[in-house]
Amino acid sequence: MVRLNPKPTSDAAEIIKTAALKLFAECGVDGVTVREIAAEAGQKNHAAVGYYFGSKESLIRELIVDGARIIDAERNARLDELEAKPTSPTTRDICEVLVYPCVNPSGPDVEEECYNRFIVLVGMSHRAFMMEVLAGSLNSGYLRCLEHLRRLMAPLPHHIISQRQVFVGAYMGAVLSARESLLADQTREHPTWQSPKTLQHFIDTLIAVIEAPYSCDQP
């Protein structure tokens, strides 16, 4: 269940959230203190995180929900549009639905993309907590995508389909996190990730993972 904030949202609360997301993306949620978050947010009072969010855990919970809600809404909107067409969605269609909503979900006005790095690190260190926050309601678009992929991979054995869906999730998280990390590096150019064609190529490789021949005879 999504918990409400102890305090109403404010400019200061949003600044704290932005600062926390950046620090969590760089260091992981266990590597950052509330004192460091307050300092990064320019708050002289180190108790600011507790004042606005109640606890560090509640702040992390809210950050997970913020990004997940945006991504899920866009995925569902894209899927609704695809499913309204007379032809069934293709593997490329579904891969585009999986990838593009994850690209800077906070919007173009955000100075640095952080959400993918943040959510991957949370999933690695506190997966049970992350899944409890999502609670099956903020990843409904992702689950709909998986249903389409099961249909598209139907000729493959069930255990191969399940494994490839795991691979898809891990691969997406790793590549999109790496993309964010490199784009955050202002010390040099990163032509690979600064090109819009790179995401198209990434989707090509994601399709290859889904459609590749297999050689496993046993589960």
N, C-alpha and C. Protein backbone atom coordinates (compact mmCIF):
# COMPACT_ATOMS: atom_id res chain seq x y z
N MET A 1 0.85 -1.19 0.00
CA MET A 1 0.00 0.00 0.00
C MET A 1 0.88 1.24 0.00
N VAL A 2 0.52 2.22 -0.81
CA VAL A 2 1.27 3.46 -0.88
C VAL A 2 0.88 4.33 0.29
N ARG A 3 1.87 4.78 1.06
CA ARG A 3 1.61 5.62 2.21
C ARG A 3 1.61 7.08 1.82
N LEU A 4 0.81 7.86 2.53
CA LEU A 4 0.77 9.28 2.28
C LEU A 4 1.94 9.97 2.97
N ASN A 5 2.35 11.11 2.44
CA ASN A 5 3.41 11.88 3.07
C ASN A 5 2.95 12.41 4.42
N PRO A 6 3.85 12.45 5.41
CA PRO A 6 3.48 13.05 6.69
C PRO A 6 3.19 14.54 6.55
N LYS A 7 3.85 15.22 5.61
CA LYS A 7 3.67 16.66 5.41
C LYS A 7 3.23 16.92 3.97
N PRO A 8 2.49 18.02 3.76
CA PRO A 8 2.12 18.37 2.38
C PRO A 8 3.35 18.60 1.53
N THR A 9 3.22 18.37 0.24
CA THR A 9 4.34 18.62 -0.65
C THR A 9 4.62 20.11 -0.72
N SER A 10 5.87 20.44 -0.95
CA SER A 10 6.28 21.83 -1.05
C SER A 10 7.50 21.89 -1.94
N ASP A 11 7.93 23.10 -2.26
CA ASP A 11 9.14 23.24 -3.06
C ASP A 11 10.32 22.58 -2.37
N ALA A 12 10.42 22.75 -1.06
CA ALA A 12 11.54 22.16 -0.30
C ALA A 12 11.49 20.64 -0.38
N ALA A 13 10.29 20.08 -0.27
CA ALA A 13 10.15 18.62 -0.34
C ALA A 13 10.57 18.11 -1.71
N GLU A 14 10.20 18.81 -2.76
CA GLU A 14 10.57 18.39 -4.11
C GLU A 14 12.08 18.49 -4.32
N ILE A 15 12.69 19.53 -3.77
CA ILE A 15 14.15 19.67 -3.86
C ILE A 15 14.84 18.52 -3.13
N ILE A 16 14.31 18.16 -1.99
CA ILE A 16 14.87 17.03 -1.23
C ILE A 16 14.74 15.74 -2.02
N LYS A 17 13.60 15.53 -2.65
CA LYS A 17 13.40 14.33 -3.45
C LYS A 17 14.38 14.26 -4.61
N THR A 18 14.58 15.38 -5.28
CA THR A 18 15.52 15.43 -6.40
C THR A 18 16.94 15.12 -5.93
N ALA A 19 17.32 15.70 -4.81
CA ALA A 19 18.66 15.47 -4.26
C ALA A 19 18.83 14.01 -3.84
N ALA A 20 17.81 13.47 -3.18
CA ALA A 20 17.88 12.09 -2.72
C ALA A 20 17.98 11.11 -3.88
N LEU A 21 17.18 11.35 -4.92
CA LEU A 21 17.20 10.45 -6.07
C LEU A 21 18.58 10.42 -6.70
N LYS A 22 19.21 11.57 -6.82
CA LYS A 22 20.55 11.64 -7.40
C LYS A 22 21.56 10.89 -6.54
N LEU A 23 21.52 11.12 -5.23
CA LEU A 23 22.46 10.44 -4.34
C LEU A 23 22.21 8.94 -4.31
N PHE A 24 20.96 8.53 -4.26
CA PHE A 24 20.63 7.10 -4.24
C PHE A 24 21.07 6.43 -5.53
N ALA A 25 20.92 7.13 -6.66
CA ALA A 25 21.34 6.59 -7.95
C ALA A 25 22.84 6.40 -8.02
N GLU A 26 23.58 7.27 -7.34
CA GLU A 26 25.04 7.20 -7.37
C GLU A 26 25.61 6.23 -6.33
N CYS A 27 24.98 6.16 -5.15
CA CYS A 27 25.58 5.44 -4.02
C CYS A 27 24.73 4.31 -3.47
N GLY A 28 23.50 4.16 -3.95
CA GLY A 28 22.61 3.16 -3.37
C GLY A 28 21.92 3.72 -2.13
N VAL A 29 20.77 3.15 -1.79
CA VAL A 29 20.00 3.70 -0.67
C VAL A 29 20.69 3.49 0.67
N ASP A 30 21.52 2.46 0.78
CA ASP A 30 22.20 2.21 2.05
C ASP A 30 23.47 3.04 2.20
N GLY A 31 23.92 3.66 1.12
CA GLY A 31 25.16 4.41 1.16
C GLY A 31 24.97 5.90 1.36
N VAL A 32 23.74 6.31 1.67
CA VAL A 32 23.43 7.73 1.80
C VAL A 32 22.68 7.96 3.11
N THR A 33 23.07 8.98 3.86
CA THR A 33 22.40 9.31 5.11
C THR A 33 21.42 10.46 4.90
N VAL A 34 20.49 10.61 5.83
CA VAL A 34 19.55 11.72 5.73
C VAL A 34 20.27 13.06 5.87
N ARG A 35 21.35 13.07 6.60
CA ARG A 35 22.16 14.29 6.74
C ARG A 35 22.75 14.69 5.38
N GLU A 36 23.24 13.69 4.64
CA GLU A 36 23.81 13.96 3.31
C GLU A 36 22.73 14.43 2.33
N ILE A 37 21.54 13.85 2.44
CA ILE A 37 20.44 14.27 1.58
C ILE A 37 20.08 15.72 1.85
N ALA A 38 19.96 16.08 3.12
CA ALA A 38 19.62 17.45 3.48
C ALA A 38 20.68 18.42 2.98
N ALA A 39 21.94 18.05 3.13
CA ALA A 39 23.02 18.92 2.68
C ALA A 39 22.99 19.10 1.16
N GLU A 40 22.78 18.01 0.44
CA GLU A 40 22.71 18.07 -1.03
C GLU A 40 21.54 18.95 -1.47
N ALA A 41 20.46 18.94 -0.70
CA ALA A 41 19.28 19.72 -1.02
C ALA A 41 19.38 21.17 -0.55
N GLY A 42 20.51 21.51 0.09
CA GLY A 42 20.70 22.88 0.57
C GLY A 42 19.90 23.21 1.81
N GLN A 43 19.54 22.17 2.56
CA GLN A 43 18.77 22.37 3.79
C GLN A 43 19.72 22.50 4.99
N LYS A 44 19.63 23.60 5.70
CA LYS A 44 20.47 23.80 6.87
C LYS A 44 20.06 22.90 8.02
N ASN A 45 18.78 22.58 8.07
CA ASN A 45 18.27 21.70 9.12
C ASN A 45 18.39 20.25 8.66
N HIS A 46 19.23 19.47 9.31
CA HIS A 46 19.44 18.09 8.90
C HIS A 46 18.24 17.19 9.18
N ALA A 47 17.26 17.72 9.91
CA ALA A 47 16.05 16.94 10.19
C ALA A 47 14.98 17.15 9.12
N ALA A 48 15.36 17.83 8.02
CA ALA A 48 14.38 18.16 6.98
C ALA A 48 13.74 16.91 6.37
N VAL A 49 14.54 15.86 6.18
CA VAL A 49 13.98 14.63 5.58
C VAL A 49 12.89 14.07 6.48
N GLY A 50 13.16 14.01 7.79
CA GLY A 50 12.16 13.51 8.72
C GLY A 50 10.94 14.41 8.78
N TYR A 51 11.13 15.72 8.68
CA TYR A 51 10.02 16.65 8.74
C TYR A 51 9.06 16.46 7.57
N TYR A 52 9.61 16.33 6.37
CA TYR A 52 8.76 16.25 5.18
C TYR A 52 8.29 14.83 4.85
N PHE A 53 9.09 13.82 5.22
CA PHE A 53 8.76 12.46 4.77
C PHE A 53 8.60 11.47 5.91
N GLY A 54 8.93 11.86 7.11
CA GLY A 54 8.78 10.95 8.24
C GLY A 54 10.00 10.11 8.48
N SER A 55 10.57 9.55 7.43
CA SER A 55 11.75 8.70 7.56
C SER A 55 12.42 8.56 6.18
N LYS A 56 13.63 8.06 6.20
CA LYS A 56 14.34 7.78 4.95
C LYS A 56 13.60 6.71 4.15
N GLU A 57 13.07 5.70 4.84
CA GLU A 57 12.34 4.64 4.14
C GLU A 57 11.12 5.19 3.42
N SER A 58 10.39 6.11 4.07
CA SER A 58 9.22 6.71 3.43
C SER A 58 9.61 7.54 2.22
N LEU A 59 10.76 8.21 2.30
CA LEU A 59 11.27 8.97 1.16
C LEU A 59 11.59 8.03 0.00
N ILE A 60 12.26 6.93 0.29
CA ILE A 60 12.59 5.95 -0.75
C ILE A 60 11.30 5.40 -1.37
N ARG A 61 10.34 5.10 -0.52
CA ARG A 61 9.06 4.59 -0.99
C ARG A 61 8.40 5.57 -1.96
N GLU A 62 8.42 6.85 -1.61
CA GLU A 62 7.79 7.85 -2.47
C GLU A 62 8.52 8.00 -3.80
N LEU A 63 9.84 7.91 -3.77
CA LEU A 63 10.61 8.01 -5.02
C LEU A 63 10.31 6.83 -5.94
N ILE A 64 10.19 5.64 -5.38
CA ILE A 64 9.83 4.47 -6.18
C ILE A 64 8.49 4.69 -6.85
N VAL A 65 7.52 5.15 -6.07
CA VAL A 65 6.16 5.36 -6.57
C VAL A 65 6.12 6.44 -7.64
N ASP A 66 6.83 7.54 -7.42
CA ASP A 66 6.81 8.65 -8.38
C ASP A 66 7.20 8.18 -9.78
N GLY A 67 8.35 7.53 -9.90
CA GLY A 67 8.81 7.08 -11.21
C GLY A 67 7.97 5.96 -11.77
N ALA A 68 7.59 5.01 -10.91
CA ALA A 68 6.81 3.86 -11.37
C ALA A 68 5.46 4.29 -11.91
N ARG A 69 4.85 5.27 -11.26
CA ARG A 69 3.53 5.74 -11.70
C ARG A 69 3.61 6.37 -13.10
N ILE A 70 4.65 7.17 -13.34
CA ILE A 70 4.82 7.82 -14.64
C ILE A 70 5.06 6.77 -15.73
N ILE A 71 5.98 5.84 -15.46
CA ILE A 71 6.31 4.80 -16.44
C ILE A 71 5.09 3.92 -16.72
N ASP A 72 4.39 3.53 -15.66
CA ASP A 72 3.25 2.63 -15.83
C ASP A 72 2.13 3.29 -16.62
N ALA A 73 1.88 4.57 -16.35
CA ALA A 73 0.81 5.28 -17.08
C ALA A 73 1.13 5.36 -18.56
N GLU A 74 2.39 5.65 -18.89
CA GLU A 74 2.74 5.75 -20.31
C GLU A 74 2.71 4.39 -20.99
N ARG A 75 3.18 3.36 -20.29
CA ARG A 75 3.12 2.02 -20.88
C ARG A 75 1.68 1.61 -21.16
N ASN A 76 0.80 1.82 -20.21
CA ASN A 76 -0.59 1.43 -20.39
C ASN A 76 -1.24 2.22 -21.52
N ALA A 77 -0.91 3.50 -21.62
CA ALA A 77 -1.47 4.31 -22.70
C ALA A 77 -1.00 3.81 -24.06
N ARG A 78 0.28 3.48 -24.17
CA ARG A 78 0.81 2.96 -25.42
C ARG A 78 0.17 1.61 -25.76
N LEU A 79 0.00 0.75 -24.74
CA LEU A 79 -0.60 -0.56 -24.98
C LEU A 79 -2.06 -0.43 -25.39
N ASP A 80 -2.78 0.48 -24.75
CA ASP A 80 -4.18 0.69 -25.15
C ASP A 80 -4.28 1.08 -26.62
N GLU A 81 -3.37 1.94 -27.05
CA GLU A 81 -3.36 2.38 -28.45
C GLU A 81 -3.05 1.22 -29.39
N LEU A 82 -2.05 0.41 -29.01
CA LEU A 82 -1.68 -0.73 -29.85
C LEU A 82 -2.80 -1.76 -29.92
N GLU A 83 -3.42 -2.03 -28.77
CA GLU A 83 -4.45 -3.07 -28.72
C GLU A 83 -5.74 -2.65 -29.41
N ALA A 84 -5.89 -1.34 -29.65
CA ALA A 84 -7.08 -0.86 -30.36
C ALA A 84 -6.96 -1.03 -31.86
N LYS A 85 -5.76 -1.35 -32.33
CA LYS A 85 -5.54 -1.54 -33.76
C LYS A 85 -6.05 -2.92 -34.20
N PRO A 86 -6.36 -3.09 -35.49
CA PRO A 86 -6.90 -4.37 -35.95
C PRO A 86 -5.89 -5.51 -35.94
N THR A 87 -4.60 -5.18 -35.96
CA THR A 87 -3.56 -6.23 -35.94
C THR A 87 -2.92 -6.31 -34.56
N SER A 88 -2.46 -7.49 -34.21
CA SER A 88 -1.83 -7.69 -32.90
C SER A 88 -0.47 -7.01 -32.84
N PRO A 89 -0.07 -6.52 -31.67
CA PRO A 89 1.25 -5.89 -31.53
C PRO A 89 2.38 -6.86 -31.86
N THR A 90 3.43 -6.34 -32.46
CA THR A 90 4.60 -7.14 -32.78
C THR A 90 5.59 -7.11 -31.62
N THR A 91 6.62 -7.93 -31.74
CA THR A 91 7.67 -7.92 -30.72
C THR A 91 8.31 -6.55 -30.61
N ARG A 92 8.54 -5.90 -31.74
CA ARG A 92 9.12 -4.55 -31.71
C ARG A 92 8.18 -3.57 -31.01
N ASP A 93 6.90 -3.66 -31.30
CA ASP A 93 5.93 -2.79 -30.63
C ASP A 93 6.05 -2.91 -29.11
N ILE A 94 6.09 -4.14 -28.63
CA ILE A 94 6.13 -4.36 -27.19
C ILE A 94 7.46 -3.92 -26.59
N CYS A 95 8.54 -4.16 -27.30
CA CYS A 95 9.85 -3.72 -26.80
C CYS A 95 9.92 -2.19 -26.72
N GLU A 96 9.31 -1.51 -27.67
CA GLU A 96 9.27 -0.05 -27.60
C GLU A 96 8.45 0.42 -26.40
N VAL A 97 7.37 -0.29 -26.10
CA VAL A 97 6.56 0.05 -24.93
C VAL A 97 7.37 -0.18 -23.65
N LEU A 98 8.18 -1.20 -23.63
CA LEU A 98 9.01 -1.47 -22.46
C LEU A 98 10.08 -0.41 -22.26
N VAL A 99 10.71 0.02 -23.35
CA VAL A 99 11.90 0.86 -23.24
C VAL A 99 11.60 2.35 -23.14
N TYR A 100 10.84 2.88 -24.08
CA TYR A 100 10.74 4.34 -24.19
C TYR A 100 10.15 5.03 -22.96
N PRO A 101 9.16 4.46 -22.28
CA PRO A 101 8.67 5.14 -21.07
C PRO A 101 9.70 5.23 -19.95
N CYS A 102 10.74 4.40 -20.02
CA CYS A 102 11.79 4.42 -18.99
C CYS A 102 12.85 5.48 -19.24
N VAL A 103 12.81 6.10 -20.40
CA VAL A 103 13.82 7.10 -20.75
C VAL A 103 13.39 8.44 -20.15
N ASN A 104 14.12 8.85 -19.13
CA ASN A 104 13.84 10.11 -18.42
C ASN A 104 12.37 10.23 -18.02
N PRO A 105 11.88 9.32 -17.16
CA PRO A 105 10.46 9.37 -16.79
C PRO A 105 10.07 10.61 -16.01
N SER A 106 11.05 11.30 -15.43
CA SER A 106 10.74 12.51 -14.66
C SER A 106 10.48 13.72 -15.55
N GLY A 107 10.74 13.58 -16.86
CA GLY A 107 10.44 14.67 -17.78
C GLY A 107 11.68 15.40 -18.25
N PRO A 108 11.56 16.14 -19.35
CA PRO A 108 12.71 16.80 -19.98
C PRO A 108 13.29 17.93 -19.14
N ASP A 109 12.54 18.45 -18.16
CA ASP A 109 13.05 19.56 -17.36
C ASP A 109 14.02 19.12 -16.28
N VAL A 110 14.07 17.81 -16.02
CA VAL A 110 14.99 17.30 -15.00
C VAL A 110 16.42 17.34 -15.53
N GLU A 111 17.30 17.90 -14.72
CA GLU A 111 18.68 18.13 -15.18
C GLU A 111 19.44 16.83 -15.44
N GLU A 112 19.23 15.83 -14.59
CA GLU A 112 19.97 14.57 -14.74
C GLU A 112 19.03 13.39 -14.56
N GLU A 113 19.08 12.44 -15.49
CA GLU A 113 18.28 11.23 -15.38
C GLU A 113 18.86 10.32 -14.30
N CYS A 114 18.01 9.85 -13.39
CA CYS A 114 18.50 9.05 -12.26
C CYS A 114 17.65 7.83 -11.96
N TYR A 115 16.41 7.80 -12.42
CA TYR A 115 15.46 6.81 -11.91
C TYR A 115 15.88 5.37 -12.19
N ASN A 116 16.40 5.08 -13.38
CA ASN A 116 16.77 3.70 -13.70
C ASN A 116 17.89 3.20 -12.81
N ARG A 117 18.90 4.05 -12.59
CA ARG A 117 19.99 3.65 -11.70
C ARG A 117 19.46 3.42 -10.29
N PHE A 118 18.61 4.32 -9.83
CA PHE A 118 18.03 4.21 -8.50
C PHE A 118 17.24 2.92 -8.34
N ILE A 119 16.33 2.63 -9.28
CA ILE A 119 15.44 1.48 -9.11
C ILE A 119 16.20 0.16 -9.26
N VAL A 120 17.23 0.15 -10.11
CA VAL A 120 18.04 -1.07 -10.24
C VAL A 120 18.79 -1.35 -8.93
N LEU A 121 19.36 -0.33 -8.32
CA LEU A 121 20.08 -0.52 -7.07
C LEU A 121 19.13 -0.93 -5.94
N VAL A 122 17.94 -0.34 -5.90
CA VAL A 122 16.95 -0.75 -4.89
C VAL A 122 16.56 -2.21 -5.11
N GLY A 123 16.33 -2.58 -6.36
CA GLY A 123 15.95 -3.96 -6.66
C GLY A 123 17.02 -4.96 -6.31
N MET A 124 18.29 -4.57 -6.42
CA MET A 124 19.39 -5.47 -6.08
C MET A 124 19.55 -5.65 -4.58
N SER A 125 19.33 -4.58 -3.83
CA SER A 125 19.61 -4.64 -2.39
C SER A 125 18.36 -4.82 -1.53
N HIS A 126 17.21 -4.40 -2.03
CA HIS A 126 15.98 -4.46 -1.24
C HIS A 126 14.80 -4.84 -2.14
N ARG A 127 14.93 -5.95 -2.82
CA ARG A 127 13.91 -6.33 -3.80
C ARG A 127 12.54 -6.56 -3.16
N ALA A 128 12.50 -7.22 -2.01
CA ALA A 128 11.21 -7.49 -1.36
C ALA A 128 10.49 -6.18 -1.02
N PHE A 129 11.25 -5.21 -0.54
CA PHE A 129 10.69 -3.90 -0.22
C PHE A 129 10.15 -3.23 -1.49
N MET A 130 10.94 -3.26 -2.56
CA MET A 130 10.52 -2.63 -3.81
C MET A 130 9.23 -3.27 -4.33
N MET A 131 9.15 -4.59 -4.32
CA MET A 131 7.97 -5.27 -4.83
C MET A 131 6.76 -5.00 -3.94
N GLU A 132 6.99 -4.84 -2.64
CA GLU A 132 5.88 -4.51 -1.73
C GLU A 132 5.34 -3.11 -2.04
N VAL A 133 6.24 -2.18 -2.37
CA VAL A 133 5.82 -0.83 -2.72
C VAL A 133 5.01 -0.84 -4.02
N LEU A 134 5.51 -1.57 -5.01
CA LEU A 134 4.80 -1.64 -6.29
C LEU A 134 3.48 -2.38 -6.15
N ALA A 135 3.49 -3.42 -5.33
CA ALA A 135 2.27 -4.14 -4.95
C ALA A 135 1.38 -4.56 -6.11
N GLY A 136 2.00 -4.82 -7.27
CA GLY A 136 1.24 -5.31 -8.41
C GLY A 136 0.36 -4.29 -9.08
N SER A 137 0.37 -3.05 -8.61
CA SER A 137 -0.51 -2.04 -9.18
C SER A 137 0.23 -0.98 -9.99
N LEU A 138 1.50 -0.75 -9.68
CA LEU A 138 2.27 0.27 -10.38
C LEU A 138 3.17 -0.32 -11.45
N ASN A 139 3.04 -1.61 -11.70
CA ASN A 139 3.77 -2.23 -12.81
C ASN A 139 2.82 -3.01 -13.72
N SER A 140 1.56 -2.55 -13.77
CA SER A 140 0.56 -3.27 -14.58
C SER A 140 0.90 -3.22 -16.06
N GLY A 141 1.48 -2.11 -16.52
CA GLY A 141 1.88 -2.02 -17.92
C GLY A 141 2.97 -3.01 -18.26
N TYR A 142 3.92 -3.19 -17.34
CA TYR A 142 4.99 -4.16 -17.54
C TYR A 142 4.41 -5.57 -17.62
N LEU A 143 3.48 -5.88 -16.73
CA LEU A 143 2.87 -7.21 -16.74
C LEU A 143 2.07 -7.44 -18.03
N ARG A 144 1.42 -6.41 -18.53
CA ARG A 144 0.71 -6.54 -19.81
C ARG A 144 1.70 -6.81 -20.95
N CYS A 145 2.85 -6.17 -20.90
CA CYS A 145 3.89 -6.41 -21.91
C CYS A 145 4.34 -7.87 -21.87
N LEU A 146 4.52 -8.40 -20.66
CA LEU A 146 4.95 -9.79 -20.53
C LEU A 146 3.90 -10.74 -21.11
N GLU A 147 2.63 -10.42 -20.93
CA GLU A 147 1.58 -11.26 -21.52
C GLU A 147 1.68 -11.27 -23.04
N HIS A 148 1.93 -10.13 -23.63
CA HIS A 148 2.10 -10.06 -25.08
C HIS A 148 3.33 -10.87 -25.52
N LEU A 149 4.41 -10.77 -24.75
CA LEU A 149 5.62 -11.51 -25.11
C LEU A 149 5.39 -13.02 -25.00
N ARG A 150 4.60 -13.45 -24.02
CA ARG A 150 4.28 -14.88 -23.93
C ARG A 150 3.56 -15.34 -25.19
N ARG A 151 2.64 -14.52 -25.66
CA ARG A 151 1.93 -14.85 -26.90
C ARG A 151 2.89 -14.92 -28.08
N LEU A 152 3.77 -13.96 -28.18
CA LEU A 152 4.70 -13.88 -29.30
C LEU A 152 5.75 -14.99 -29.25
N MET A 153 6.06 -15.48 -28.05
CA MET A 153 7.06 -16.55 -27.90
C MET A 153 6.40 -17.92 -27.73
N ALA A 154 5.11 -18.00 -28.01
CA ALA A 154 4.36 -19.23 -27.75
C ALA A 154 4.99 -20.52 -28.29
N PRO A 155 5.66 -20.50 -29.46
CA PRO A 155 6.27 -21.75 -29.93
C PRO A 155 7.38 -22.28 -29.01
N LEU A 156 7.95 -21.44 -28.17
CA LEU A 156 9.04 -21.86 -27.29
C LEU A 156 8.49 -22.58 -26.06
N PRO A 157 9.28 -23.48 -25.47
CA PRO A 157 8.85 -24.13 -24.23
C PRO A 157 8.61 -23.10 -23.12
N HIS A 158 7.72 -23.44 -22.21
CA HIS A 158 7.32 -22.50 -21.15
C HIS A 158 8.52 -22.03 -20.33
N HIS A 159 9.42 -22.96 -19.98
CA HIS A 159 10.54 -22.56 -19.11
C HIS A 159 11.50 -21.63 -19.84
N ILE A 160 11.60 -21.77 -21.15
CA ILE A 160 12.46 -20.87 -21.93
C ILE A 160 11.83 -19.47 -21.98
N ILE A 161 10.52 -19.43 -22.16
CA ILE A 161 9.82 -18.14 -22.16
C ILE A 161 10.04 -17.42 -20.83
N SER A 162 9.88 -18.16 -19.73
CA SER A 162 10.05 -17.56 -18.39
C SER A 162 11.46 -17.03 -18.21
N GLN A 163 12.45 -17.81 -18.63
CA GLN A 163 13.83 -17.38 -18.49
C GLN A 163 14.10 -16.13 -19.32
N ARG A 164 13.59 -16.09 -20.52
CA ARG A 164 13.85 -14.94 -21.39
C ARG A 164 13.19 -13.67 -20.86
N GLN A 165 12.06 -13.82 -20.22
CA GLN A 165 11.44 -12.65 -19.61
C GLN A 165 12.29 -12.11 -18.46
N VAL A 166 12.91 -13.00 -17.72
CA VAL A 166 13.86 -12.58 -16.68
C VAL A 166 15.04 -11.86 -17.32
N PHE A 167 15.56 -12.44 -18.41
CA PHE A 167 16.71 -11.83 -19.11
C PHE A 167 16.35 -10.42 -19.60
N VAL A 168 15.14 -10.28 -20.15
CA VAL A 168 14.71 -8.99 -20.69
C VAL A 168 14.72 -7.93 -19.59
N GLY A 169 14.16 -8.26 -18.44
CA GLY A 169 14.12 -7.29 -17.34
C GLY A 169 15.50 -6.91 -16.87
N ALA A 170 16.38 -7.91 -16.71
CA ALA A 170 17.74 -7.64 -16.25
C ALA A 170 18.53 -6.85 -17.28
N TYR A 171 18.37 -7.21 -18.54
CA TYR A 171 19.09 -6.54 -19.62
C TYR A 171 18.66 -5.08 -19.73
N MET A 172 17.36 -4.85 -19.68
CA MET A 172 16.86 -3.48 -19.75
C MET A 172 17.41 -2.64 -18.61
N GLY A 173 17.33 -3.17 -17.40
CA GLY A 173 17.81 -2.41 -16.25
C GLY A 173 19.28 -2.08 -16.35
N ALA A 174 20.07 -3.05 -16.78
CA ALA A 174 21.52 -2.83 -16.87
C ALA A 174 21.87 -1.79 -17.93
N VAL A 175 21.27 -1.91 -19.11
CA VAL A 175 21.61 -1.00 -20.21
C VAL A 175 21.10 0.41 -19.94
N LEU A 176 19.86 0.54 -19.49
CA LEU A 176 19.32 1.88 -19.24
C LEU A 176 20.02 2.56 -18.07
N SER A 177 20.47 1.77 -17.09
CA SER A 177 21.24 2.35 -15.98
C SER A 177 22.60 2.82 -16.46
N ALA A 178 23.25 2.02 -17.31
CA ALA A 178 24.54 2.41 -17.87
C ALA A 178 24.40 3.68 -18.70
N ARG A 179 23.32 3.75 -19.46
CA ARG A 179 23.06 4.95 -20.26
C ARG A 179 22.97 6.19 -19.38
N GLU A 180 22.18 6.10 -18.32
CA GLU A 180 22.04 7.23 -17.41
C GLU A 180 23.37 7.64 -16.79
N SER A 181 24.13 6.64 -16.37
CA SER A 181 25.41 6.92 -15.72
C SER A 181 26.36 7.66 -16.65
N LEU A 182 26.43 7.23 -17.90
CA LEU A 182 27.32 7.88 -18.85
C LEU A 182 26.83 9.27 -19.24
N LEU A 183 25.53 9.43 -19.39
CA LEU A 183 25.00 10.75 -19.74
C LEU A 183 25.19 11.74 -18.59
N ALA A 184 25.29 11.23 -17.36
CA ALA A 184 25.52 12.11 -16.21
C ALA A 184 26.97 12.59 -16.14
N ASP A 185 27.86 11.93 -16.86
CA ASP A 185 29.27 12.31 -16.89
C ASP A 185 29.47 13.49 -17.83
N GLN A 186 29.74 14.65 -17.25
CA GLN A 186 29.90 15.86 -18.04
C GLN A 186 31.35 16.14 -18.43
N THR A 187 32.24 15.21 -18.13
CA THR A 187 33.67 15.47 -18.39
C THR A 187 34.05 15.22 -19.84
N ARG A 188 33.20 14.50 -20.58
CA ARG A 188 33.52 14.23 -21.97
C ARG A 188 32.24 13.90 -22.74
N GLU A 189 32.35 13.84 -24.04
CA GLU A 189 31.22 13.49 -24.88
C GLU A 189 30.95 11.98 -24.82
N HIS A 190 29.70 11.62 -25.01
CA HIS A 190 29.31 10.20 -25.06
C HIS A 190 28.44 10.01 -26.30
N PRO A 191 29.07 9.99 -27.48
CA PRO A 191 28.30 9.98 -28.73
C PRO A 191 27.37 8.78 -28.86
N THR A 192 27.75 7.65 -28.28
CA THR A 192 26.87 6.48 -28.40
C THR A 192 25.51 6.77 -27.79
N TRP A 193 25.48 7.24 -26.54
CA TRP A 193 24.21 7.44 -25.86
C TRP A 193 23.58 8.78 -26.15
N GLN A 194 24.32 9.68 -26.75
CA GLN A 194 23.74 10.96 -27.13
C GLN A 194 23.02 10.88 -28.48
N SER A 195 23.17 9.77 -29.17
CA SER A 195 22.49 9.57 -30.45
C SER A 195 21.13 8.91 -30.22
N PRO A 196 20.06 9.47 -30.77
CA PRO A 196 18.73 8.85 -30.62
C PRO A 196 18.65 7.48 -31.29
N LYS A 197 19.53 7.21 -32.24
CA LYS A 197 19.53 5.92 -32.92
C LYS A 197 19.99 4.78 -32.01
N THR A 198 20.70 5.13 -30.94
CA THR A 198 21.22 4.09 -30.06
C THR A 198 20.09 3.33 -29.37
N LEU A 199 19.05 4.04 -28.96
CA LEU A 199 17.92 3.36 -28.33
C LEU A 199 17.22 2.43 -29.32
N GLN A 200 17.17 2.83 -30.58
CA GLN A 200 16.60 1.95 -31.60
C GLN A 200 17.44 0.68 -31.74
N HIS A 201 18.76 0.84 -31.71
CA HIS A 201 19.64 -0.32 -31.78
C HIS A 201 19.49 -1.19 -30.55
N PHE A 202 19.35 -0.55 -29.39
CA PHE A 202 19.13 -1.31 -28.15
C PHE A 202 17.87 -2.17 -28.28
N ILE A 203 16.81 -1.60 -28.83
CA ILE A 203 15.57 -2.36 -29.02
C ILE A 203 15.79 -3.51 -29.99
N ASP A 204 16.61 -3.30 -31.03
CA ASP A 204 16.97 -4.40 -31.94
C ASP A 204 17.57 -5.57 -31.16
N THR A 205 18.48 -5.26 -30.23
CA THR A 205 19.15 -6.33 -29.48
C THR A 205 18.19 -6.97 -28.48
N LEU A 206 17.25 -6.19 -27.96
CA LEU A 206 16.25 -6.76 -27.05
C LEU A 206 15.37 -7.76 -27.80
N ILE A 207 15.02 -7.43 -29.02
CA ILE A 207 14.24 -8.34 -29.86
C ILE A 207 15.04 -9.62 -30.11
N ALA A 208 16.35 -9.45 -30.32
CA ALA A 208 17.20 -10.63 -30.55
C ALA A 208 17.20 -11.56 -29.34
N VAL A 209 17.22 -11.01 -28.15
CA VAL A 209 17.16 -11.83 -26.93
C VAL A 209 15.85 -12.63 -26.90
N ILE A 210 14.76 -11.99 -27.26
CA ILE A 210 13.45 -12.63 -27.21
C ILE A 210 13.30 -13.70 -28.29
N GLU A 211 13.83 -13.42 -29.47
CA GLU A 211 13.58 -14.30 -30.62
C GLU A 211 14.71 -15.26 -30.93
N ALA A 212 15.77 -15.26 -30.17
CA ALA A 212 16.94 -16.09 -30.45
C ALA A 212 16.58 -17.58 -30.41
N PRO A 213 17.23 -18.40 -31.24
CA PRO A 213 17.04 -19.85 -31.14
C PRO A 213 17.61 -20.35 -29.82
N TYR A 214 17.15 -21.50 -29.38
CA TYR A 214 17.63 -22.01 -28.08
C TYR A 214 18.12 -23.45 -28.26
N SER A 215 18.97 -23.88 -27.31
CA SER A 215 19.54 -25.21 -27.40
C SER A 215 19.33 -26.02 -26.12
N CYS A 216 18.48 -25.52 -25.21
CA CYS A 216 18.24 -26.22 -23.94
C CYS A 216 17.11 -27.20 -24.10
N ASP A 217 17.39 -28.47 -23.84
CA ASP A 217 16.36 -29.50 -23.97
C ASP A 217 15.60 -29.74 -22.68
N GLN A 218 16.23 -29.37 -21.53
CA GLN A 218 15.62 -29.67 -20.24
C GLN A 218 15.34 -28.36 -19.48
N PRO A 219 14.31 -28.35 -18.63
CA PRO A 219 14.03 -27.17 -17.81
C PRO A 219 15.21 -26.88 -16.88
